[in-house]
Amino acid sequence: MWESWGSNMVVKVKWFYHPEETKLGKRQSDGKNALYQSCHEDENDVQTISHKCQVVGREHYEQMTRNKKYQDRQDLYYLAGTYDPTTGRLVTADGVPILC
């Protein structure tokens, strides 16, 4: 986070995509709170950020959601893999390419 020349606070963000936002779309194996990490980055005004979320590995996510404390959290996601928005290429968190 930094202050721009116009005195606005700016943050550099790395984008995550919901499965339905990918070229392939949501697959049956994508759970309710799956996200795909991407190499897509940009700079945004801090005021455009609506909230933060937590992204963890799938195993950790499943452990956490078994705990009543985390079951109803709307800001908890698991990392399903990576997505390249320019090519549409998806790769699972285990490194297996998903064919479109």
PDB file of N, CA and C in Angstrom:
ATOM      1  N   MET A   1       0.847  -1.158   0.000  1.00  0.00           N
ATOM      2  CA  MET A   1       0.000   0.000   0.000  1.00  0.00           C
ATOM      3  C   MET A   1       0.903   1.234   0.000  1.00  0.00           C
ATOM      4  N   TRP A   2       0.507   2.250  -0.769  1.00  0.00           N
ATOM      5  CA  TRP A   2       1.293   3.476  -0.818  1.00  0.00           C
ATOM      6  C   TRP A   2       0.389   4.644  -1.194  1.00  0.00           C
ATOM      7  N   GLU A   3       0.923   5.824  -1.011  1.00  0.00           N
ATOM      8  CA  GLU A   3       0.186   7.036  -1.365  1.00  0.00           C
ATOM      9  C   GLU A   3       0.614   7.474  -2.760  1.00  0.00           C
ATOM     10  N   SER A   4      -0.371   7.691  -3.636  1.00  0.00           N
ATOM     11  CA  SER A   4      -0.079   8.102  -5.006  1.00  0.00           C
ATOM     12  C   SER A   4       0.241   9.590  -5.053  1.00  0.00           C
ATOM     13  N   TRP A   5       0.658  10.040  -6.239  1.00  0.00           N
ATOM     14  CA  TRP A   5       0.992  11.467  -6.396  1.00  0.00           C
ATOM     15  C   TRP A   5      -0.223  12.354  -6.167  1.00  0.00           C
ATOM     16  N   GLY A   6      -1.422  11.808  -6.306  1.00  0.00           N
ATOM     17  CA  GLY A   6      -2.645  12.577  -6.062  1.00  0.00           C
ATOM     18  C   GLY A   6      -3.151  12.444  -4.641  1.00  0.00           C
ATOM     19  N   SER A   7      -2.313  11.942  -3.738  1.00  0.00           N
ATOM     20  CA  SER A   7      -2.628  11.746  -2.325  1.00  0.00           C
ATOM     21  C   SER A   7      -3.693  10.680  -2.070  1.00  0.00           C
ATOM     22  N   ASN A   8      -3.925   9.797  -3.034  1.00  0.00           N
ATOM     23  CA  ASN A   8      -4.829   8.672  -2.814  1.00  0.00           C
ATOM     24  C   ASN A   8      -4.017   7.477  -2.350  1.00  0.00           C
ATOM     25  N   MET A   9      -4.607   6.655  -1.499  1.00  0.00           N
ATOM     26  CA  MET A   9      -3.945   5.436  -1.061  1.00  0.00           C
ATOM     27  C   MET A   9      -4.216   4.349  -2.106  1.00  0.00           C
ATOM     28  N   VAL A  10      -3.153   3.692  -2.541  1.00  0.00           N
ATOM     29  CA  VAL A  10      -3.226   2.689  -3.609  1.00  0.00           C
ATOM     30  C   VAL A  10      -2.681   1.366  -3.071  1.00  0.00           C
ATOM     31  N   VAL A  11      -3.238   0.282  -3.571  1.00  0.00           N
ATOM     32  CA  VAL A  11      -2.784  -1.040  -3.183  1.00  0.00           C
ATOM     33  C   VAL A  11      -2.598  -1.887  -4.442  1.00  0.00           C
ATOM     34  N   LYS A  12      -1.564  -2.716  -4.449  1.00  0.00           N
ATOM     35  CA  LYS A  12      -1.351  -3.649  -5.554  1.00  0.00           C
ATOM     36  C   LYS A  12      -1.989  -4.968  -5.141  1.00  0.00           C
ATOM     37  N   VAL A  13      -2.854  -5.500  -5.995  1.00  0.00           N
ATOM     38  CA  VAL A  13      -3.570  -6.727  -5.655  1.00  0.00           C
ATOM     39  C   VAL A  13      -3.312  -7.816  -6.685  1.00  0.00           C
ATOM     40  N   LYS A  14      -3.341  -9.032  -6.219  1.00  0.00           N
ATOM     41  CA  LYS A  14      -3.255 -10.206  -7.076  1.00  0.00           C
ATOM     42  C   LYS A  14      -4.667 -10.782  -7.125  1.00  0.00           C
ATOM     43  N   TRP A  15      -5.162 -11.052  -8.315  1.00  0.00           N
ATOM     44  CA  TRP A  15      -6.540 -11.481  -8.482  1.00  0.00           C
ATOM     45  C   TRP A  15      -6.717 -12.982  -8.308  1.00  0.00           C
ATOM     46  N   PHE A  16      -7.821 -13.330  -7.682  1.00  0.00           N
ATOM     47  CA  PHE A  16      -8.293 -14.701  -7.577  1.00  0.00           C
ATOM     48  C   PHE A  16      -9.608 -14.767  -8.341  1.00  0.00           C
ATOM     49  N   TYR A  17      -9.912 -15.906  -8.923  1.00  0.00           N
ATOM     50  CA  TYR A  17     -11.128 -16.073  -9.709  1.00  0.00           C
ATOM     51  C   TYR A  17     -12.002 -17.172  -9.122  1.00  0.00           C
ATOM     52  N   HIS A  18     -13.303 -16.905  -9.064  1.00  0.00           N
ATOM     53  CA  HIS A  18     -14.268 -17.951  -8.734  1.00  0.00           C
ATOM     54  C   HIS A  18     -14.338 -18.892  -9.935  1.00  0.00           C
ATOM     55  N   PRO A  19     -14.606 -20.181  -9.726  1.00  0.00           N
ATOM     56  CA  PRO A  19     -14.652 -21.124 -10.851  1.00  0.00           C
ATOM     57  C   PRO A  19     -15.562 -20.674 -11.989  1.00  0.00           C
ATOM     58  N   GLU A  20     -16.695 -20.088 -11.668  1.00  0.00           N
ATOM     59  CA  GLU A  20     -17.634 -19.650 -12.708  1.00  0.00           C
ATOM     60  C   GLU A  20     -17.111 -18.462 -13.519  1.00  0.00           C
ATOM     61  N   GLU A  21     -16.046 -17.821 -13.058  1.00  0.00           N
ATOM     62  CA  GLU A  21     -15.432 -16.713 -13.787  1.00  0.00           C
ATOM     63  C   GLU A  21     -14.331 -17.183 -14.738  1.00  0.00           C
ATOM     64  N   THR A  22     -14.004 -18.461 -14.702  1.00  0.00           N
ATOM     65  CA  THR A  22     -12.978 -19.002 -15.584  1.00  0.00           C
ATOM     66  C   THR A  22     -13.600 -19.400 -16.922  1.00  0.00           C
ATOM     67  N   LYS A  23     -12.739 -19.602 -17.910  1.00  0.00           N
ATOM     68  CA  LYS A  23     -13.200 -19.986 -19.249  1.00  0.00           C
ATOM     69  C   LYS A  23     -13.963 -21.308 -19.219  1.00  0.00           C
ATOM     70  N   LEU A  24     -13.519 -22.236 -18.385  1.00  0.00           N
ATOM     71  CA  LEU A  24     -14.153 -23.545 -18.277  1.00  0.00           C
ATOM     72  C   LEU A  24     -15.454 -23.488 -17.488  1.00  0.00           C
ATOM     73  N   GLY A  25     -15.559 -22.541 -16.584  1.00  0.00           N
ATOM     74  CA  GLY A  25     -16.750 -22.439 -15.743  1.00  0.00           C
ATOM     75  C   GLY A  25     -16.666 -23.367 -14.547  1.00  0.00           C
ATOM     76  N   LYS A  26     -17.691 -23.337 -13.736  1.00  0.00           N
ATOM     77  CA  LYS A  26     -17.732 -24.156 -12.526  1.00  0.00           C
ATOM     78  C   LYS A  26     -17.860 -25.626 -12.893  1.00  0.00           C
ATOM     79  N   ARG A  27     -16.997 -26.449 -12.282  1.00  0.00           N
ATOM     80  CA  ARG A  27     -17.038 -27.893 -12.479  1.00  0.00           C
ATOM     81  C   ARG A  27     -17.636 -28.536 -11.241  1.00  0.00           C
ATOM     82  N   GLN A  28     -18.123 -29.740 -11.374  1.00  0.00           N
ATOM     83  CA  GLN A  28     -18.729 -30.431 -10.248  1.00  0.00           C
ATOM     84  C   GLN A  28     -17.741 -30.612  -9.095  1.00  0.00           C
ATOM     85  N   SER A  29     -16.456 -30.781  -9.424  1.00  0.00           N
ATOM     86  CA  SER A  29     -15.442 -30.986  -8.379  1.00  0.00           C
ATOM     87  C   SER A  29     -15.063 -29.694  -7.647  1.00  0.00           C
ATOM     88  N   ASP A  30     -15.468 -28.537  -8.187  1.00  0.00           N
ATOM     89  CA  ASP A  30     -15.216 -27.270  -7.495  1.00  0.00           C
ATOM     90  C   ASP A  30     -16.230 -27.137  -6.375  1.00  0.00           C
ATOM     91  N   GLY A  31     -15.738 -27.056  -5.172  1.00  0.00           N
ATOM     92  CA  GLY A  31     -16.629 -26.917  -4.030  1.00  0.00           C
ATOM     93  C   GLY A  31     -17.227 -25.525  -3.935  1.00  0.00           C
ATOM     94  N   LYS A  32     -17.987 -25.332  -2.906  1.00  0.00           N
ATOM     95  CA  LYS A  32     -18.722 -24.081  -2.695  1.00  0.00           C
ATOM     96  C   LYS A  32     -17.803 -22.852  -2.648  1.00  0.00           C
ATOM     97  N   ASN A  33     -16.676 -22.957  -1.998  1.00  0.00           N
ATOM     98  CA  ASN A  33     -15.819 -21.790  -1.789  1.00  0.00           C
ATOM     99  C   ASN A  33     -14.447 -21.934  -2.432  1.00  0.00           C
ATOM    100  N   ALA A  34     -14.413 -22.452  -3.648  1.00  0.00           N
ATOM    101  CA  ALA A  34     -13.151 -22.615  -4.372  1.00  0.00           C
ATOM    102  C   ALA A  34     -12.741 -21.299  -5.009  1.00  0.00           C
ATOM    103  N   LEU A  35     -11.432 -21.048  -5.042  1.00  0.00           N
ATOM    104  CA  LEU A  35     -10.876 -19.907  -5.761  1.00  0.00           C
ATOM    105  C   LEU A  35      -9.649 -20.375  -6.533  1.00  0.00           C
ATOM    106  N   TYR A  36      -9.411 -19.735  -7.681  1.00  0.00           N
ATOM    107  CA  TYR A  36      -8.220 -19.993  -8.479  1.00  0.00           C
ATOM    108  C   TYR A  36      -7.334 -18.758  -8.442  1.00  0.00           C
ATOM    109  N   GLN A  37      -6.078 -18.965  -8.069  1.00  0.00           N
ATOM    110  CA  GLN A  37      -5.088 -17.890  -8.044  1.00  0.00           C
ATOM    111  C   GLN A  37      -4.643 -17.589  -9.470  1.00  0.00           C
ATOM    112  N   SER A  38      -4.339 -16.338  -9.751  1.00  0.00           N
ATOM    113  CA  SER A  38      -3.861 -15.984 -11.089  1.00  0.00           C
ATOM    114  C   SER A  38      -2.617 -15.105 -10.991  1.00  0.00           C
ATOM    115  N   CYS A  39      -1.977 -14.907 -12.129  1.00  0.00           N
ATOM    116  CA  CYS A  39      -0.830 -14.006 -12.186  1.00  0.00           C
ATOM    117  C   CYS A  39      -1.295 -12.571 -12.480  1.00  0.00           C
ATOM    118  N   HIS A  40      -2.598 -12.372 -12.628  1.00  0.00           N
ATOM    119  CA  HIS A  40      -3.192 -11.069 -12.920  1.00  0.00           C
ATOM    120  C   HIS A  40      -3.041 -10.160 -11.696  1.00  0.00           C
ATOM    121  N   GLU A  41      -2.345  -9.054 -11.878  1.00  0.00           N
ATOM    122  CA  GLU A  41      -2.145  -8.065 -10.821  1.00  0.00           C
ATOM    123  C   GLU A  41      -2.491  -6.687 -11.356  1.00  0.00           C
ATOM    124  N   ASP A  42      -2.977  -5.833 -10.487  1.00  0.00           N
ATOM    125  CA  ASP A  42      -3.110  -4.429 -10.847  1.00  0.00           C
ATOM    126  C   ASP A  42      -3.153  -3.568  -9.606  1.00  0.00           C
ATOM    127  N   GLU A  43      -3.171  -2.271  -9.832  1.00  0.00           N
ATOM    128  CA  GLU A  43      -3.182  -1.304  -8.741  1.00  0.00           C
ATOM    129  C   GLU A  43      -4.564  -0.688  -8.659  1.00  0.00           C
ATOM    130  N   ASN A  44      -5.081  -0.602  -7.442  1.00  0.00           N
ATOM    131  CA  ASN A  44      -6.422  -0.063  -7.215  1.00  0.00           C
ATOM    132  C   ASN A  44      -6.404   0.908  -6.056  1.00  0.00           C
ATOM    133  N   ASP A  45      -7.342   1.827  -6.098  1.00  0.00           N
ATOM    134  CA  ASP A  45      -7.549   2.734  -4.986  1.00  0.00           C
ATOM    135  C   ASP A  45      -7.997   1.897  -3.785  1.00  0.00           C
ATOM    136  N   VAL A  46      -7.463   2.168  -2.619  1.00  0.00           N
ATOM    137  CA  VAL A  46      -7.791   1.408  -1.416  1.00  0.00           C
ATOM    138  C   VAL A  46      -9.294   1.414  -1.150  1.00  0.00           C
ATOM    139  N   GLN A  47      -9.979   2.497  -1.508  1.00  0.00           N
ATOM    140  CA  GLN A  47     -11.419   2.600  -1.240  1.00  0.00           C
ATOM    141  C   GLN A  47     -12.254   1.620  -2.061  1.00  0.00           C
ATOM    142  N   THR A  48     -11.663   0.982  -3.078  1.00  0.00           N
ATOM    143  CA  THR A  48     -12.420   0.011  -3.871  1.00  0.00           C
ATOM    144  C   THR A  48     -12.474  -1.363  -3.201  1.00  0.00           C
ATOM    145  N   ILE A  49     -11.718  -1.561  -2.135  1.00  0.00           N
ATOM    146  CA  ILE A  49     -11.698  -2.844  -1.436  1.00  0.00           C
ATOM    147  C   ILE A  49     -12.915  -2.914  -0.516  1.00  0.00           C
ATOM    148  N   SER A  50     -13.732  -3.931  -0.717  1.00  0.00           N
ATOM    149  CA  SER A  50     -14.946  -4.041   0.093  1.00  0.00           C
ATOM    150  C   SER A  50     -14.714  -4.820   1.382  1.00  0.00           C
ATOM    151  N   HIS A  51     -13.853  -5.846   1.346  1.00  0.00           N
ATOM    152  CA  HIS A  51     -13.566  -6.636   2.542  1.00  0.00           C
ATOM    153  C   HIS A  51     -12.387  -7.566   2.261  1.00  0.00           C
ATOM    154  N   LYS A  52     -11.880  -8.140   3.301  1.00  0.00           N
ATOM    155  CA  LYS A  52     -10.803  -9.103   3.127  1.00  0.00           C
ATOM    156  C   LYS A  52     -11.382 -10.508   3.253  1.00  0.00           C
ATOM    157  N   CYS A  53     -10.627 -11.472   2.749  1.00  0.00           N
ATOM    158  CA  CYS A  53     -11.034 -12.866   2.892  1.00  0.00           C
ATOM    159  C   CYS A  53      -9.801 -13.694   3.227  1.00  0.00           C
ATOM    160  N   GLN A  54     -10.021 -14.925   3.604  1.00  0.00           N
ATOM    161  CA  GLN A  54      -8.937 -15.836   3.927  1.00  0.00           C
ATOM    162  C   GLN A  54      -8.970 -16.982   2.929  1.00  0.00           C
ATOM    163  N   VAL A  55      -7.821 -17.259   2.303  1.00  0.00           N
ATOM    164  CA  VAL A  55      -7.700 -18.347   1.343  1.00  0.00           C
ATOM    165  C   VAL A  55      -6.669 -19.325   1.893  1.00  0.00           C
ATOM    166  N   VAL A  56      -7.093 -20.585   2.061  1.00  0.00           N
ATOM    167  CA  VAL A  56      -6.227 -21.618   2.627  1.00  0.00           C
ATOM    168  C   VAL A  56      -6.227 -22.837   1.701  1.00  0.00           C
ATOM    169  N   GLY A  57      -5.349 -23.781   1.950  1.00  0.00           N
ATOM    170  CA  GLY A  57      -5.358 -25.030   1.202  1.00  0.00           C
ATOM    171  C   GLY A  57      -6.643 -25.806   1.475  1.00  0.00           C
ATOM    172  N   ARG A  58      -7.013 -26.707   0.566  1.00  0.00           N
ATOM    173  CA  ARG A  58      -8.291 -27.419   0.694  1.00  0.00           C
ATOM    174  C   ARG A  58      -8.356 -28.263   1.970  1.00  0.00           C
ATOM    175  N   GLU A  59      -7.280 -28.943   2.283  1.00  0.00           N
ATOM    176  CA  GLU A  59      -7.279 -29.774   3.496  1.00  0.00           C
ATOM    177  C   GLU A  59      -7.502 -28.906   4.740  1.00  0.00           C
ATOM    178  N   HIS A  60      -6.819 -27.788   4.808  1.00  0.00           N
ATOM    179  CA  HIS A  60      -6.977 -26.867   5.937  1.00  0.00           C
ATOM    180  C   HIS A  60      -8.404 -26.307   5.964  1.00  0.00           C
ATOM    181  N   TYR A  61      -8.931 -25.981   4.800  1.00  0.00           N
ATOM    182  CA  TYR A  61     -10.305 -25.481   4.694  1.00  0.00           C
ATOM    183  C   TYR A  61     -11.290 -26.505   5.267  1.00  0.00           C
ATOM    184  N   GLU A  62     -11.130 -27.762   4.872  1.00  0.00           N
ATOM    185  CA  GLU A  62     -12.046 -28.807   5.353  1.00  0.00           C
ATOM    186  C   GLU A  62     -11.934 -29.003   6.857  1.00  0.00           C
ATOM    187  N   GLN A  63     -10.720 -28.900   7.386  1.00  0.00           N
ATOM    188  CA  GLN A  63     -10.537 -28.980   8.838  1.00  0.00           C
ATOM    189  C   GLN A  63     -11.236 -27.816   9.531  1.00  0.00           C
ATOM    190  N   MET A  64     -11.044 -26.622   8.987  1.00  0.00           N
ATOM    191  CA  MET A  64     -11.628 -25.426   9.596  1.00  0.00           C
ATOM    192  C   MET A  64     -13.150 -25.470   9.566  1.00  0.00           C
ATOM    193  N   THR A  65     -13.732 -25.895   8.452  1.00  0.00           N
ATOM    194  CA  THR A  65     -15.191 -25.873   8.332  1.00  0.00           C
ATOM    195  C   THR A  65     -15.867 -26.972   9.148  1.00  0.00           C
ATOM    196  N   ARG A  66     -15.110 -27.944   9.612  1.00  0.00           N
ATOM    197  CA  ARG A  66     -15.677 -28.934  10.548  1.00  0.00           C
ATOM    198  C   ARG A  66     -15.891 -28.300  11.914  1.00  0.00           C
ATOM    199  N   ASN A  67     -15.180 -27.229  12.181  1.00  0.00           N
ATOM    200  CA  ASN A  67     -15.301 -26.494  13.433  1.00  0.00           C
ATOM    201  C   ASN A  67     -16.475 -25.533  13.317  1.00  0.00           C
ATOM    202  N   LYS A  68     -17.402 -25.588  14.250  1.00  0.00           N
ATOM    203  CA  LYS A  68     -18.607 -24.751  14.215  1.00  0.00           C
ATOM    204  C   LYS A  68     -18.276 -23.260  14.084  1.00  0.00           C
ATOM    205  N   LYS A  69     -17.139 -22.851  14.624  1.00  0.00           N
ATOM    206  CA  LYS A  69     -16.715 -21.447  14.580  1.00  0.00           C
ATOM    207  C   LYS A  69     -16.578 -20.941  13.139  1.00  0.00           C
ATOM    208  N   TYR A  70     -16.204 -21.813  12.209  1.00  0.00           N
ATOM    209  CA  TYR A  70     -15.927 -21.415  10.828  1.00  0.00           C
ATOM    210  C   TYR A  70     -17.021 -21.801   9.831  1.00  0.00           C
ATOM    211  N   GLN A  71     -18.009 -22.577  10.221  1.00  0.00           N
ATOM    212  CA  GLN A  71     -18.977 -23.140   9.291  1.00  0.00           C
ATOM    213  C   GLN A  71     -19.773 -22.097   8.506  1.00  0.00           C
ATOM    214  N   ASP A  72     -20.110 -20.982   9.112  1.00  0.00           N
ATOM    215  CA  ASP A  72     -20.947 -19.984   8.438  1.00  0.00           C
ATOM    216  C   ASP A  72     -20.159 -18.788   7.912  1.00  0.00           C
ATOM    217  N   ARG A  73     -18.843 -18.877   7.888  1.00  0.00           N
ATOM    218  CA  ARG A  73     -18.048 -17.739   7.413  1.00  0.00           C
ATOM    219  C   ARG A  73     -18.189 -17.574   5.914  1.00  0.00           C
ATOM    220  N   GLN A  74     -18.497 -16.365   5.502  1.00  0.00           N
ATOM    221  CA  GLN A  74     -18.635 -16.029   4.090  1.00  0.00           C
ATOM    222  C   GLN A  74     -17.310 -15.590   3.472  1.00  0.00           C
ATOM    223  N   ASP A  75     -16.267 -15.437   4.300  1.00  0.00           N
ATOM    224  CA  ASP A  75     -14.985 -14.913   3.829  1.00  0.00           C
ATOM    225  C   ASP A  75     -13.872 -15.960   3.848  1.00  0.00           C
ATOM    226  N   LEU A  76     -14.238 -17.242   3.919  1.00  0.00           N
ATOM    227  CA  LEU A  76     -13.258 -18.325   3.958  1.00  0.00           C
ATOM    228  C   LEU A  76     -13.336 -19.119   2.661  1.00  0.00           C
ATOM    229  N   TYR A  77     -12.205 -19.242   1.973  1.00  0.00           N
ATOM    230  CA  TYR A  77     -12.129 -19.934   0.683  1.00  0.00           C
ATOM    231  C   TYR A  77     -10.962 -20.899   0.685  1.00  0.00           C
ATOM    232  N   TYR A  78     -10.983 -21.832  -0.251  1.00  0.00           N
ATOM    233  CA  TYR A  78      -9.820 -22.702  -0.417  1.00  0.00           C
ATOM    234  C   TYR A  78      -9.253 -22.534  -1.819  1.00  0.00           C
ATOM    235  N   LEU A  79      -7.954 -22.752  -1.926  1.00  0.00           N
ATOM    236  CA  LEU A  79      -7.241 -22.608  -3.185  1.00  0.00           C
ATOM    237  C   LEU A  79      -7.423 -23.879  -4.010  1.00  0.00           C
ATOM    238  N   ALA A  80      -8.169 -23.773  -5.112  1.00  0.00           N
ATOM    239  CA  ALA A  80      -8.445 -24.924  -5.974  1.00  0.00           C
ATOM    240  C   ALA A  80      -7.347 -25.123  -7.015  1.00  0.00           C
ATOM    241  N   GLY A  81      -6.568 -24.075  -7.289  1.00  0.00           N
ATOM    242  CA  GLY A  81      -5.515 -24.175  -8.290  1.00  0.00           C
ATOM    243  C   GLY A  81      -5.149 -22.803  -8.826  1.00  0.00           C
ATOM    244  N   THR A  82      -4.616 -22.795 -10.051  1.00  0.00           N
ATOM    245  CA  THR A  82      -4.234 -21.542 -10.687  1.00  0.00           C
ATOM    246  C   THR A  82      -4.987 -21.388 -12.010  1.00  0.00           C
ATOM    247  N   TYR A  83      -5.157 -20.142 -12.408  1.00  0.00           N
ATOM    248  CA  TYR A  83      -5.880 -19.816 -13.634  1.00  0.00           C
ATOM    249  C   TYR A  83      -5.130 -18.712 -14.352  1.00  0.00           C
ATOM    250  N   ASP A  84      -4.936 -18.895 -15.655  1.00  0.00           N
ATOM    251  CA  ASP A  84      -4.340 -17.854 -16.486  1.00  0.00           C
ATOM    252  C   ASP A  84      -5.463 -17.244 -17.314  1.00  0.00           C
ATOM    253  N   PRO A  85      -5.904 -16.030 -16.983  1.00  0.00           N
ATOM    254  CA  PRO A  85      -7.043 -15.431 -17.690  1.00  0.00           C
ATOM    255  C   PRO A  85      -6.753 -15.105 -19.152  1.00  0.00           C
ATOM    256  N   THR A  86      -5.486 -14.996 -19.540  1.00  0.00           N
ATOM    257  CA  THR A  86      -5.182 -14.690 -20.941  1.00  0.00           C
ATOM    258  C   THR A  86      -5.285 -15.924 -21.836  1.00  0.00           C
ATOM    259  N   THR A  87      -4.970 -17.096 -21.288  1.00  0.00           N
ATOM    260  CA  THR A  87      -5.030 -18.329 -22.091  1.00  0.00           C
ATOM    261  C   THR A  87      -6.209 -19.214 -21.723  1.00  0.00           C
ATOM    262  N   GLY A  88      -6.804 -18.986 -20.543  1.00  0.00           N
ATOM    263  CA  GLY A  88      -7.895 -19.826 -20.066  1.00  0.00           C
ATOM    264  C   GLY A  88      -7.403 -21.112 -19.421  1.00  0.00           C
ATOM    265  N   ARG A  89      -6.097 -21.253 -19.235  1.00  0.00           N
ATOM    266  CA  ARG A  89      -5.518 -22.491 -18.686  1.00  0.00           C
ATOM    267  C   ARG A  89      -5.766 -22.588 -17.183  1.00  0.00           C
ATOM    268  N   LEU A  90      -6.285 -23.751 -16.780  1.00  0.00           N
ATOM    269  CA  LEU A  90      -6.510 -24.062 -15.368  1.00  0.00           C
ATOM    270  C   LEU A  90      -5.590 -25.199 -14.958  1.00  0.00           C
ATOM    271  N   VAL A  91      -5.049 -25.110 -13.748  1.00  0.00           N
ATOM    272  CA  VAL A  91      -4.222 -26.163 -13.182  1.00  0.00           C
ATOM    273  C   VAL A  91      -4.689 -26.368 -11.748  1.00  0.00           C
ATOM    274  N   THR A  92      -4.883 -27.634 -11.354  1.00  0.00           N
ATOM    275  CA  THR A  92      -5.322 -27.908  -9.993  1.00  0.00           C
ATOM    276  C   THR A  92      -4.234 -27.531  -9.001  1.00  0.00           C
ATOM    277  N   ALA A  93      -4.597 -27.489  -7.733  1.00  0.00           N
ATOM    278  CA  ALA A  93      -3.622 -27.180  -6.670  1.00  0.00           C
ATOM    279  C   ALA A  93      -2.522 -28.239  -6.612  1.00  0.00           C
ATOM    280  N   ASP A  94      -2.802 -29.442  -7.132  1.00  0.00           N
ATOM    281  CA  ASP A  94      -1.814 -30.523  -7.180  1.00  0.00           C
ATOM    282  C   ASP A  94      -0.927 -30.438  -8.413  1.00  0.00           C
ATOM    283  N   GLY A  95      -1.148 -29.447  -9.292  1.00  0.00           N
ATOM    284  CA  GLY A  95      -0.329 -29.265 -10.476  1.00  0.00           C
ATOM    285  C   GLY A  95      -0.806 -30.007 -11.706  1.00  0.00           C
ATOM    286  N   VAL A  96      -2.032 -30.526 -11.668  1.00  0.00           N
ATOM    287  CA  VAL A  96      -2.580 -31.280 -12.811  1.00  0.00           C
ATOM    288  C   VAL A  96      -3.348 -30.322 -13.717  1.00  0.00           C
ATOM    289  N   PRO A  97      -2.980 -30.221 -14.988  1.00  0.00           N
ATOM    290  CA  PRO A  97      -3.718 -29.345 -15.917  1.00  0.00           C
ATOM    291  C   PRO A  97      -5.162 -29.834 -16.111  1.00  0.00           C
ATOM    292  N   ILE A  98      -6.076 -28.881 -16.196  1.00  0.00           N
ATOM    293  CA  ILE A  98      -7.481 -29.194 -16.454  1.00  0.00           C
ATOM    294  C   ILE A  98      -7.751 -28.834 -17.907  1.00  0.00           C
ATOM    295  N   LEU A  99      -8.159 -29.793 -18.680  1.00  0.00           N
ATOM    296  CA  LEU A  99      -8.396 -29.575 -20.103  1.00  0.00           C
ATOM    297  C   LEU A  99      -9.738 -28.930 -20.349  1.00  0.00           C
ATOM    298  N   CYS A 100      -9.732 -27.923 -21.207  1.00  0.00           N
ATOM    299  CA  CYS A 100     -10.972 -27.230 -21.568  1.00  0.00           C
ATOM    300  C   CYS A 100     -11.597 -27.896 -22.781  1.00  0.00           C
TER     301      CYS A 100
END
